[in-house]
Amino acid sequence: HRLSGGSMLAAGIGAAAAGAAGTWLGWRLAFAP
């Protein structure tokens, strides 16, 4: 949101990307084994 100058669309994309990246790393590093 801050980097895009206040775009809610960018905020939504950033939120989804951060959440997906976090759960993917959690799955690969901690839960999958």
PDB file of all heavy atoms in Angstrom:
ATOM      1  N   HIS A   1       0.835  -1.206   0.000  1.00  0.00           N
ATOM      2  CA  HIS A   1       0.000   0.000   0.000  1.00  0.00           C
ATOM      3  C   HIS A   1       0.865   1.249   0.000  1.00  0.00           C
ATOM      4  O   HIS A   1       0.599   2.219  -0.728  1.00  0.00           O
ATOM      5  CB  HIS A   1      -0.908  -0.034   1.229  1.00  0.00           C
ATOM      6  CG  HIS A   1      -1.917   1.069   1.291  1.00  0.00           C
ATOM      7  ND1 HIS A   1      -1.742   2.197   2.064  1.00  0.00           N
ATOM      8  CD2 HIS A   1      -3.116   1.223   0.665  1.00  0.00           C
ATOM      9  CE1 HIS A   1      -2.785   2.993   1.926  1.00  0.00           C
ATOM     10  NE2 HIS A   1      -3.642   2.430   1.097  1.00  0.00           N
ATOM     11  N   ARG A   2       1.925   1.258   0.794  1.00  0.00           N
ATOM     12  CA  ARG A   2       2.794   2.423   0.868  1.00  0.00           C
ATOM     13  C   ARG A   2       3.647   2.573  -0.383  1.00  0.00           C
ATOM     14  O   ARG A   2       3.822   3.684  -0.902  1.00  0.00           O
ATOM     15  CB  ARG A   2       3.677   2.337   2.115  1.00  0.00           C
ATOM     16  CG  ARG A   2       2.892   2.518   3.414  1.00  0.00           C
ATOM     17  CD  ARG A   2       3.776   2.368   4.642  1.00  0.00           C
ATOM     18  NE  ARG A   2       3.044   2.693   5.868  1.00  0.00           N
ATOM     19  CZ  ARG A   2       3.555   2.588   7.089  1.00  0.00           C
ATOM     20  NH1 ARG A   2       4.817   2.174   7.253  1.00  0.00           N
ATOM     21  NH2 ARG A   2       2.827   2.897   8.159  1.00  0.00           N
ATOM     22  N   LEU A   3       4.184   1.468  -0.891  1.00  0.00           N
ATOM     23  CA  LEU A   3       5.040   1.537  -2.079  1.00  0.00           C
ATOM     24  C   LEU A   3       4.257   1.960  -3.322  1.00  0.00           C
ATOM     25  O   LEU A   3       4.817   2.583  -4.233  1.00  0.00           O
ATOM     26  CB  LEU A   3       5.703   0.182  -2.323  1.00  0.00           C
ATOM     27  CG  LEU A   3       6.759  -0.251  -1.298  1.00  0.00           C
ATOM     28  CD1 LEU A   3       7.270  -1.649  -1.625  1.00  0.00           C
ATOM     29  CD2 LEU A   3       7.913   0.743  -1.258  1.00  0.00           C
ATOM     30  N   SER A   4       2.983   1.619  -3.367  1.00  0.00           N
ATOM     31  CA  SER A   4       2.153   1.940  -4.545  1.00  0.00           C
ATOM     32  C   SER A   4       1.482   3.301  -4.440  1.00  0.00           C
ATOM     33  O   SER A   4       0.723   3.685  -5.320  1.00  0.00           O
ATOM     34  CB  SER A   4       1.091   0.862  -4.733  1.00  0.00           C
ATOM     35  OG  SER A   4       0.185   0.858  -3.633  1.00  0.00           O
ATOM     36  N   GLY A   5       1.720   4.006  -3.347  1.00  0.00           N
ATOM     37  CA  GLY A   5       1.093   5.316  -3.191  1.00  0.00           C
ATOM     38  C   GLY A   5      -0.346   5.258  -2.727  1.00  0.00           C
ATOM     39  O   GLY A   5      -1.103   6.201  -2.953  1.00  0.00           O
ATOM     40  N   GLY A   6      -0.749   4.157  -2.098  1.00  0.00           N
ATOM     41  CA  GLY A   6      -2.091   4.072  -1.541  1.00  0.00           C
ATOM     42  C   GLY A   6      -3.065   3.232  -2.333  1.00  0.00           C
ATOM     43  O   GLY A   6      -4.280   3.355  -2.145  1.00  0.00           O
ATOM     44  N   SER A   7      -2.564   2.350  -3.207  1.00  0.00           N
ATOM     45  CA  SER A   7      -3.448   1.512  -4.013  1.00  0.00           C
ATOM     46  C   SER A   7      -3.952   0.327  -3.201  1.00  0.00           C
ATOM     47  O   SER A   7      -3.160  -0.464  -2.683  1.00  0.00           O
ATOM     48  CB  SER A   7      -2.709   1.000  -5.253  1.00  0.00           C
ATOM     49  OG  SER A   7      -3.456  -0.016  -5.899  1.00  0.00           O
ATOM     50  N   MET A   8      -5.274   0.191  -3.105  1.00  0.00           N
ATOM     51  CA  MET A   8      -5.857  -0.951  -2.407  1.00  0.00           C
ATOM     52  C   MET A   8      -5.669  -2.244  -3.202  1.00  0.00           C
ATOM     53  O   MET A   8      -5.543  -3.325  -2.620  1.00  0.00           O
ATOM     54  CB  MET A   8      -7.341  -0.719  -2.146  1.00  0.00           C
ATOM     55  CG  MET A   8      -7.614   0.112  -0.918  1.00  0.00           C
ATOM     56  SD  MET A   8      -7.034  -0.723   0.571  1.00  0.00           S
ATOM     57  CE  MET A   8      -7.044   0.647   1.718  1.00  0.00           C
ATOM     58  N   LEU A   9      -5.640  -2.148  -4.526  1.00  0.00           N
ATOM     59  CA  LEU A   9      -5.398  -3.338  -5.338  1.00  0.00           C
ATOM     60  C   LEU A   9      -4.003  -3.880  -5.055  1.00  0.00           C
ATOM     61  O   LEU A   9      -3.819  -5.092  -4.872  1.00  0.00           O
ATOM     62  CB  LEU A   9      -5.548  -3.004  -6.819  1.00  0.00           C
ATOM     63  CG  LEU A   9      -5.246  -4.144  -7.799  1.00  0.00           C
ATOM     64  CD1 LEU A   9      -6.177  -5.327  -7.544  1.00  0.00           C
ATOM     65  CD2 LEU A   9      -5.347  -3.660  -9.243  1.00  0.00           C
ATOM     66  N   ALA A  10      -3.023  -2.983  -4.998  1.00  0.00           N
ATOM     67  CA  ALA A  10      -1.662  -3.411  -4.676  1.00  0.00           C
ATOM     68  C   ALA A  10      -1.599  -3.989  -3.267  1.00  0.00           C
ATOM     69  O   ALA A  10      -0.895  -4.974  -3.018  1.00  0.00           O
ATOM     70  CB  ALA A  10      -0.697  -2.233  -4.810  1.00  0.00           C
ATOM     71  N   ALA A  11      -2.336  -3.384  -2.332  1.00  0.00           N
ATOM     72  CA  ALA A  11      -2.357  -3.899  -0.965  1.00  0.00           C
ATOM     73  C   ALA A  11      -2.916  -5.316  -0.931  1.00  0.00           C
ATOM     74  O   ALA A  11      -2.401  -6.187  -0.226  1.00  0.00           O
ATOM     75  CB  ALA A  11      -3.173  -2.975  -0.069  1.00  0.00           C
ATOM     76  N   GLY A  12      -3.977  -5.556  -1.697  1.00  0.00           N
ATOM     77  CA  GLY A  12      -4.557  -6.895  -1.744  1.00  0.00           C
ATOM     78  C   GLY A  12      -3.602  -7.912  -2.337  1.00  0.00           C
ATOM     79  O   GLY A  12      -3.471  -9.037  -1.833  1.00  0.00           O
ATOM     80  N   ILE A  13      -2.905  -7.523  -3.407  1.00  0.00           N
ATOM     81  CA  ILE A  13      -1.934  -8.434  -4.023  1.00  0.00           C
ATOM     82  C   ILE A  13      -0.779  -8.713  -3.060  1.00  0.00           C
ATOM     83  O   ILE A  13      -0.334  -9.852  -2.909  1.00  0.00           O
ATOM     84  CB  ILE A  13      -1.416  -7.836  -5.347  1.00  0.00           C
ATOM     85  CG1 ILE A  13      -2.557  -7.760  -6.371  1.00  0.00           C
ATOM     86  CG2 ILE A  13      -0.260  -8.661  -5.899  1.00  0.00           C
ATOM     87  CD1 ILE A  13      -2.201  -7.028  -7.643  1.00  0.00           C
ATOM     88  N   GLY A  14      -0.304  -7.652  -2.405  1.00  0.00           N
ATOM     89  CA  GLY A  14       0.778  -7.835  -1.439  1.00  0.00           C
ATOM     90  C   GLY A  14       0.374  -8.726  -0.283  1.00  0.00           C
ATOM     91  O   GLY A  14       1.160  -9.563   0.183  1.00  0.00           O
ATOM     92  N   ALA A  15      -0.857  -8.555   0.200  1.00  0.00           N
ATOM     93  CA  ALA A  15      -1.344  -9.381   1.305  1.00  0.00           C
ATOM     94  C   ALA A  15      -1.429 -10.846   0.896  1.00  0.00           C
ATOM     95  O   ALA A  15      -0.968 -11.738   1.626  1.00  0.00           O
ATOM     96  CB  ALA A  15      -2.713  -8.881   1.753  1.00  0.00           C
ATOM     97  N   ALA A  16      -2.024 -11.121  -0.267  1.00  0.00           N
ATOM     98  CA  ALA A  16      -2.168 -12.502  -0.733  1.00  0.00           C
ATOM     99  C   ALA A  16      -0.805 -13.136  -0.981  1.00  0.00           C
ATOM    100  O   ALA A  16      -0.577 -14.304  -0.631  1.00  0.00           O
ATOM    101  CB  ALA A  16      -3.017 -12.536  -2.001  1.00  0.00           C
ATOM    102  N   ALA A  17       0.120 -12.367  -1.581  1.00  0.00           N
ATOM    103  CA  ALA A  17       1.454 -12.905  -1.868  1.00  0.00           C
ATOM    104  C   ALA A  17       2.206 -13.215  -0.579  1.00  0.00           C
ATOM    105  O   ALA A  17       2.855 -14.267  -0.460  1.00  0.00           O
ATOM    106  CB  ALA A  17       2.242 -11.907  -2.724  1.00  0.00           C
ATOM    107  N   ALA A  18       2.130 -12.319   0.398  1.00  0.00           N
ATOM    108  CA  ALA A  18       2.830 -12.545   1.668  1.00  0.00           C
ATOM    109  C   ALA A  18       2.256 -13.748   2.401  1.00  0.00           C
ATOM    110  O   ALA A  18       2.993 -14.597   2.925  1.00  0.00           O
ATOM    111  CB  ALA A  18       2.745 -11.300   2.536  1.00  0.00           C
ATOM    112  N   GLY A  19       0.923 -13.840   2.463  1.00  0.00           N
ATOM    113  CA  GLY A  19       0.301 -14.975   3.139  1.00  0.00           C
ATOM    114  C   GLY A  19       0.638 -16.291   2.471  1.00  0.00           C
ATOM    115  O   GLY A  19       0.970 -17.278   3.144  1.00  0.00           O
ATOM    116  N   ALA A  20       0.570 -16.331   1.126  1.00  0.00           N
ATOM    117  CA  ALA A  20       0.866 -17.558   0.397  1.00  0.00           C
ATOM    118  C   ALA A  20       2.333 -17.951   0.551  1.00  0.00           C
ATOM    119  O   ALA A  20       2.654 -19.132   0.727  1.00  0.00           O
ATOM    120  CB  ALA A  20       0.514 -17.389  -1.076  1.00  0.00           C
ATOM    121  N   ALA A  21       3.235 -16.967   0.491  1.00  0.00           N
ATOM    122  CA  ALA A  21       4.662 -17.266   0.658  1.00  0.00           C
ATOM    123  C   ALA A  21       4.943 -17.814   2.050  1.00  0.00           C
ATOM    124  O   ALA A  21       5.721 -18.766   2.219  1.00  0.00           O
ATOM    125  CB  ALA A  21       5.494 -16.005   0.399  1.00  0.00           C
ATOM    126  N   GLY A  22       4.297 -17.225   3.075  1.00  0.00           N
ATOM    127  CA  GLY A  22       4.508 -17.690   4.441  1.00  0.00           C
ATOM    128  C   GLY A  22       4.034 -19.113   4.657  1.00  0.00           C
ATOM    129  O   GLY A  22       4.750 -19.941   5.245  1.00  0.00           O
ATOM    130  N   THR A  23       2.832 -19.425   4.183  1.00  0.00           N
ATOM    131  CA  THR A  23       2.317 -20.780   4.392  1.00  0.00           C
ATOM    132  C   THR A  23       3.078 -21.798   3.547  1.00  0.00           C
ATOM    133  O   THR A  23       3.277 -22.937   3.978  1.00  0.00           O
ATOM    134  CB  THR A  23       0.815 -20.853   4.062  1.00  0.00           C
ATOM    135  OG1 THR A  23       0.586 -20.314   2.755  1.00  0.00           O
ATOM    136  CG2 THR A  23      -0.002 -20.089   5.078  1.00  0.00           C
ATOM    137  N   TRP A  24       3.508 -21.401   2.357  1.00  0.00           N
ATOM    138  CA  TRP A  24       4.282 -22.325   1.523  1.00  0.00           C
ATOM    139  C   TRP A  24       5.601 -22.680   2.196  1.00  0.00           C
ATOM    140  O   TRP A  24       5.991 -23.847   2.251  1.00  0.00           O
ATOM    141  CB  TRP A  24       4.541 -21.719   0.150  1.00  0.00           C
ATOM    142  CG  TRP A  24       5.274 -22.661  -0.775  1.00  0.00           C
ATOM    143  CD1 TRP A  24       4.750 -23.675  -1.519  1.00  0.00           C
ATOM    144  CD2 TRP A  24       6.696 -22.673  -1.031  1.00  0.00           C
ATOM    145  NE1 TRP A  24       5.733 -24.329  -2.224  1.00  0.00           N
ATOM    146  CE2 TRP A  24       6.935 -23.731  -1.941  1.00  0.00           C
ATOM    147  CE3 TRP A  24       7.759 -21.903  -0.582  1.00  0.00           C
ATOM    148  CZ2 TRP A  24       8.212 -24.025  -2.413  1.00  0.00           C
ATOM    149  CZ3 TRP A  24       9.035 -22.199  -1.044  1.00  0.00           C
ATOM    150  CH2 TRP A  24       9.251 -23.252  -1.954  1.00  0.00           C
ATOM    151  N   LEU A  25       6.301 -21.670   2.737  1.00  0.00           N
ATOM    152  CA  LEU A  25       7.557 -21.933   3.437  1.00  0.00           C
ATOM    153  C   LEU A  25       7.312 -22.785   4.689  1.00  0.00           C
ATOM    154  O   LEU A  25       8.085 -23.700   4.994  1.00  0.00           O
ATOM    155  CB  LEU A  25       8.232 -20.618   3.825  1.00  0.00           C
ATOM    156  CG  LEU A  25       8.912 -19.846   2.697  1.00  0.00           C
ATOM    157  CD1 LEU A  25       9.387 -18.478   3.188  1.00  0.00           C
ATOM    158  CD2 LEU A  25      10.085 -20.650   2.130  1.00  0.00           C
ATOM    159  N   GLY A  26       6.232 -22.469   5.423  1.00  0.00           N
ATOM    160  CA  GLY A  26       5.903 -23.269   6.591  1.00  0.00           C
ATOM    161  C   GLY A  26       5.649 -24.722   6.223  1.00  0.00           C
ATOM    162  O   GLY A  26       6.087 -25.647   6.917  1.00  0.00           O
ATOM    163  N   TRP A  27       4.935 -24.930   5.134  1.00  0.00           N
ATOM    164  CA  TRP A  27       4.648 -26.287   4.663  1.00  0.00           C
ATOM    165  C   TRP A  27       5.918 -27.023   4.268  1.00  0.00           C
ATOM    166  O   TRP A  27       6.174 -28.142   4.704  1.00  0.00           O
ATOM    167  CB  TRP A  27       3.668 -26.227   3.507  1.00  0.00           C
ATOM    168  CG  TRP A  27       3.680 -27.394   2.561  1.00  0.00           C
ATOM    169  CD1 TRP A  27       4.047 -27.388   1.257  1.00  0.00           C
ATOM    170  CD2 TRP A  27       3.285 -28.749   2.847  1.00  0.00           C
ATOM    171  NE1 TRP A  27       3.920 -28.631   0.708  1.00  0.00           N
ATOM    172  CE2 TRP A  27       3.450 -29.491   1.663  1.00  0.00           C
ATOM    173  CE3 TRP A  27       2.821 -29.396   3.986  1.00  0.00           C
ATOM    174  CZ2 TRP A  27       3.176 -30.840   1.577  1.00  0.00           C
ATOM    175  CZ3 TRP A  27       2.535 -30.759   3.900  1.00  0.00           C
ATOM    176  CH2 TRP A  27       2.709 -31.464   2.718  1.00  0.00           C
ATOM    177  N   ARG A  28       6.757 -26.367   3.456  1.00  0.00           N
ATOM    178  CA  ARG A  28       7.950 -27.035   2.951  1.00  0.00           C
ATOM    179  C   ARG A  28       8.983 -27.310   4.043  1.00  0.00           C
ATOM    180  O   ARG A  28       9.613 -28.367   4.058  1.00  0.00           O
ATOM    181  CB  ARG A  28       8.595 -26.181   1.849  1.00  0.00           C
ATOM    182  CG  ARG A  28       7.731 -25.998   0.615  1.00  0.00           C
ATOM    183  CD  ARG A  28       7.508 -27.287  -0.121  1.00  0.00           C
ATOM    184  NE  ARG A  28       8.739 -27.844  -0.633  1.00  0.00           N
ATOM    185  CZ  ARG A  28       8.833 -29.027  -1.232  1.00  0.00           C
ATOM    186  NH1 ARG A  28       7.752 -29.777  -1.364  1.00  0.00           N
ATOM    187  NH2 ARG A  28       9.996 -29.474  -1.680  1.00  0.00           N
ATOM    188  N   LEU A  29       9.168 -26.357   4.952  1.00  0.00           N
ATOM    189  CA  LEU A  29      10.241 -26.472   5.931  1.00  0.00           C
ATOM    190  C   LEU A  29       9.822 -27.183   7.219  1.00  0.00           C
ATOM    191  O   LEU A  29      10.657 -27.817   7.868  1.00  0.00           O
ATOM    192  CB  LEU A  29      10.776 -25.078   6.282  1.00  0.00           C
ATOM    193  CG  LEU A  29      11.393 -24.280   5.125  1.00  0.00           C
ATOM    194  CD1 LEU A  29      11.833 -22.907   5.606  1.00  0.00           C
ATOM    195  CD2 LEU A  29      12.561 -25.035   4.496  1.00  0.00           C
ATOM    196  N   ALA A  30       8.554 -27.067   7.601  1.00  0.00           N
ATOM    197  CA  ALA A  30       8.136 -27.588   8.906  1.00  0.00           C
ATOM    198  C   ALA A  30       7.105 -28.705   8.829  1.00  0.00           C
ATOM    199  O   ALA A  30       7.241 -29.735   9.509  1.00  0.00           O
ATOM    200  CB  ALA A  30       7.586 -26.440   9.759  1.00  0.00           C
ATOM    201  N   PHE A  31       6.075 -28.533   8.018  1.00  0.00           N
ATOM    202  CA  PHE A  31       4.961 -29.482   8.062  1.00  0.00           C
ATOM    203  C   PHE A  31       5.150 -30.680   7.137  1.00  0.00           C
ATOM    204  O   PHE A  31       4.765 -31.803   7.504  1.00  0.00           O
ATOM    205  CB  PHE A  31       3.659 -28.763   7.717  1.00  0.00           C
ATOM    206  CG  PHE A  31       3.304 -27.669   8.687  1.00  0.00           C
ATOM    207  CD1 PHE A  31       3.216 -26.356   8.269  1.00  0.00           C
ATOM    208  CD2 PHE A  31       3.092 -27.950  10.019  1.00  0.00           C
ATOM    209  CE1 PHE A  31       2.905 -25.339   9.159  1.00  0.00           C
ATOM    210  CE2 PHE A  31       2.778 -26.950  10.923  1.00  0.00           C
ATOM    211  CZ  PHE A  31       2.689 -25.634  10.488  1.00  0.00           C
ATOM    212  N   ALA A  32       5.706 -30.478   5.963  1.00  0.00           N
ATOM    213  CA  ALA A  32       5.877 -31.594   5.021  1.00  0.00           C
ATOM    214  C   ALA A  32       6.725 -32.721   5.596  1.00  0.00           C
ATOM    215  O   ALA A  32       6.381 -33.905   5.424  1.00  0.00           O
ATOM    216  CB  ALA A  32       6.471 -31.088   3.702  1.00  0.00           C
ATOM    217  N   PRO A  33       7.839 -32.432   6.290  1.00  0.00           N
ATOM    218  CA  PRO A  33       8.620 -33.542   6.851  1.00  0.00           C
ATOM    219  C   PRO A  33       7.870 -34.343   7.919  1.00  0.00           C
ATOM    220  O   PRO A  33       8.263 -35.470   8.229  1.00  0.00           O
ATOM    221  CB  PRO A  33       9.840 -32.830   7.465  1.00  0.00           C
ATOM    222  CG  PRO A  33       9.946 -31.539   6.730  1.00  0.00           C
ATOM    223  CD  PRO A  33       8.530 -31.146   6.448  1.00  0.00           C
TER     224      PRO A  33
END
